[in-house]
C-alpha atoms as a PDB file:
ATOM      1  CA  MET A   1      -3.309   9.928  18.406  1.00  0.00           C
ATOM      2  CA  SER A   2      -2.623  13.634  18.513  1.00  0.00           C
ATOM      3  CA  PRO A   3      -4.776  15.922  16.773  1.00  0.00           C
ATOM      4  CA  GLY A   4      -2.126  16.774  14.318  1.00  0.00           C
ATOM      5  CA  LEU A   5      -1.672  13.304  12.773  1.00  0.00           C
ATOM      6  CA  SER A   6      -5.613  12.241  13.099  1.00  0.00           C
ATOM      7  CA  GLY A   7      -5.889  10.800   9.088  1.00  0.00           C
ATOM      8  CA  PHE A   8      -2.590   9.495   9.206  1.00  0.00           C
ATOM      9  CA  ARG A   9      -2.438   5.902   8.926  1.00  0.00           C
ATOM     10  CA  SER A  10       0.246   2.823   8.887  1.00  0.00           C
ATOM     11  CA  LEU A  11      -0.614  -1.100   7.056  1.00  0.00           C
ATOM     12  CA  ALA A  12       0.721  -3.231   6.466  1.00  0.00           C
ATOM     13  CA  LEU A  13      -0.494  -5.446   2.778  1.00  0.00           C
ATOM     14  CA  THR A  14       0.003  -7.902   1.207  1.00  0.00           C
ATOM     15  CA  LEU A  15       0.130  -7.465  -3.296  1.00  0.00           C
ATOM     16  CA  VAL A  16      -0.026 -10.262  -5.692  1.00  0.00           C
ATOM     17  CA  CYS A  17       1.052  -9.005  -8.735  1.00  0.00           C
ATOM     18  CA  GLU A  18      -0.263  -9.545 -12.267  1.00  0.00           C
ATOM     19  CA  PRO A  19       2.552  -9.666 -14.961  1.00  0.00           C
ATOM     20  CA  GLY A  20       3.767  -5.287 -16.290  1.00  0.00           C
ATOM     21  CA  PRO A  21       5.174  -2.902 -14.274  1.00  0.00           C
ATOM     22  CA  LEU A  22       5.064  -2.585 -10.998  1.00  0.00           C
ATOM     23  CA  LEU A  23       4.955   0.492  -9.914  1.00  0.00           C
ATOM     24  CA  PRO A  24       1.782   1.368 -11.445  1.00  0.00           C
ATOM     25  CA  GLN A  25       0.188  -1.922  -9.369  1.00  0.00           C
ATOM     26  CA  ILE A  26       1.487  -0.270  -5.868  1.00  0.00           C
ATOM     27  CA  GLU A  27       0.132   2.969  -6.066  1.00  0.00           C
ATOM     28  CA  ALA A  28      -3.118   1.351  -7.543  1.00  0.00           C
ATOM     29  CA  ALA A  29      -2.783  -0.731  -4.772  1.00  0.00           C
ATOM     30  CA  LEU A  30      -2.215   1.903  -1.499  1.00  0.00           C
ATOM     31  CA  ARG A  31      -4.488   4.316  -3.022  1.00  0.00           C
ATOM     32  CA  THR A  32      -7.093   2.305  -2.461  1.00  0.00           C
ATOM     33  CA  HIS A  33      -6.130   2.744   1.015  1.00  0.00           C
ATOM     34  CA  GLY A  34      -5.538   6.668   1.240  1.00  0.00           C
ATOM     35  CA  VAL A  35      -2.691   9.013   0.045  1.00  0.00           C
ATOM     36  CA  PRO A  36       0.448   7.152  -0.240  1.00  0.00           C
ATOM     37  CA  LEU A  37       3.096   8.747   1.905  1.00  0.00           C
ATOM     38  CA  ARG A  38       5.617   6.639   1.577  1.00  0.00           C
ATOM     39  CA  TRP A  39       5.994   2.915   1.709  1.00  0.00           C
ATOM     40  CA  ALA A  40       9.143  -0.186   1.322  1.00  0.00           C
ATOM     41  CA  ILE A  41       8.350  -3.463  -0.233  1.00  0.00           C
ATOM     42  CA  THR A  42       9.658  -5.488   2.566  1.00  0.00           C
ATOM     43  CA  GLU A  43       8.312  -9.047   1.356  1.00  0.00           C
ATOM     44  CA  ALA A  44       9.480 -10.399  -1.779  1.00  0.00           C
ATOM     45  CA  ALA A  45       7.810 -13.851  -3.234  1.00  0.00           C
ATOM     46  CA  CYS A  46       7.761 -16.557  -5.920  1.00  0.00           C
ATOM     47  CA  ARG A  47       4.449 -17.907  -6.175  1.00  0.00           C
ATOM     48  CA  PRO A  48       3.522 -21.713  -7.070  1.00  0.00           C
ATOM     49  CA  ASP A  49       1.580 -20.622  -9.999  1.00  0.00           C
ATOM     50  CA  GLY A  50       4.955 -18.565 -11.363  1.00  0.00           C
ATOM     51  CA  GLY A  51       3.088 -15.316 -10.098  1.00  0.00           C
ATOM     52  CA  ARG A  52       4.624 -12.566  -8.151  1.00  0.00           C
ATOM     53  CA  GLN A  53       3.375 -11.771  -4.243  1.00  0.00           C
ATOM     54  CA  LEU A  54       4.382  -8.880  -2.500  1.00  0.00           C
ATOM     55  CA  THR A  55       4.192  -7.027   1.280  1.00  0.00           C
ATOM     56  CA  LEU A  56       3.706  -3.394   1.841  1.00  0.00           C
ATOM     57  CA  GLU A  57       4.714  -0.930   4.441  1.00  0.00           C
ATOM     58  CA  ALA A  58       2.926   2.095   3.699  1.00  0.00           C
ATOM     59  CA  MET A  59       2.169   5.385   6.071  1.00  0.00           C
ATOM     60  CA  VAL A  60      -1.370   6.581   3.770  1.00  0.00           C
ATOM     61  CA  TYR A  61      -3.457  10.474   4.544  1.00  0.00           C
ATOM     62  CA  GLN A  62      -6.964   9.118   4.619  1.00  0.00           C
ATOM     63  CA  PRO A  63      -8.716  13.419   5.034  1.00  0.00           C
ATOM     64  CA  ALA A  64     -11.219  12.823   6.608  1.00  0.00           C
ATOM     65  CA  LEU A  65     -14.934  13.100   5.284  1.00  0.00           C
ATOM     66  CA  LEU A  66     -16.999  16.292   5.413  1.00  0.00           C
ATOM     67  CA  VAL A  67     -20.455  16.310   6.644  1.00  0.00           C
END
């Protein structure tokens, strides 16, 4: 990866959703990995227990830690 792109990371994650609005749940899940720059829901499924499960693909920025 070139030095200009350090800190950028592509990721895919599965989110088991709680009842309620999805956007705050998605943003919170992505923020645990960095600053979300863009994201997409690439799969949605209903779980046997009636819950929702999403697969997300995202690009996040993880600033370098200063030591």
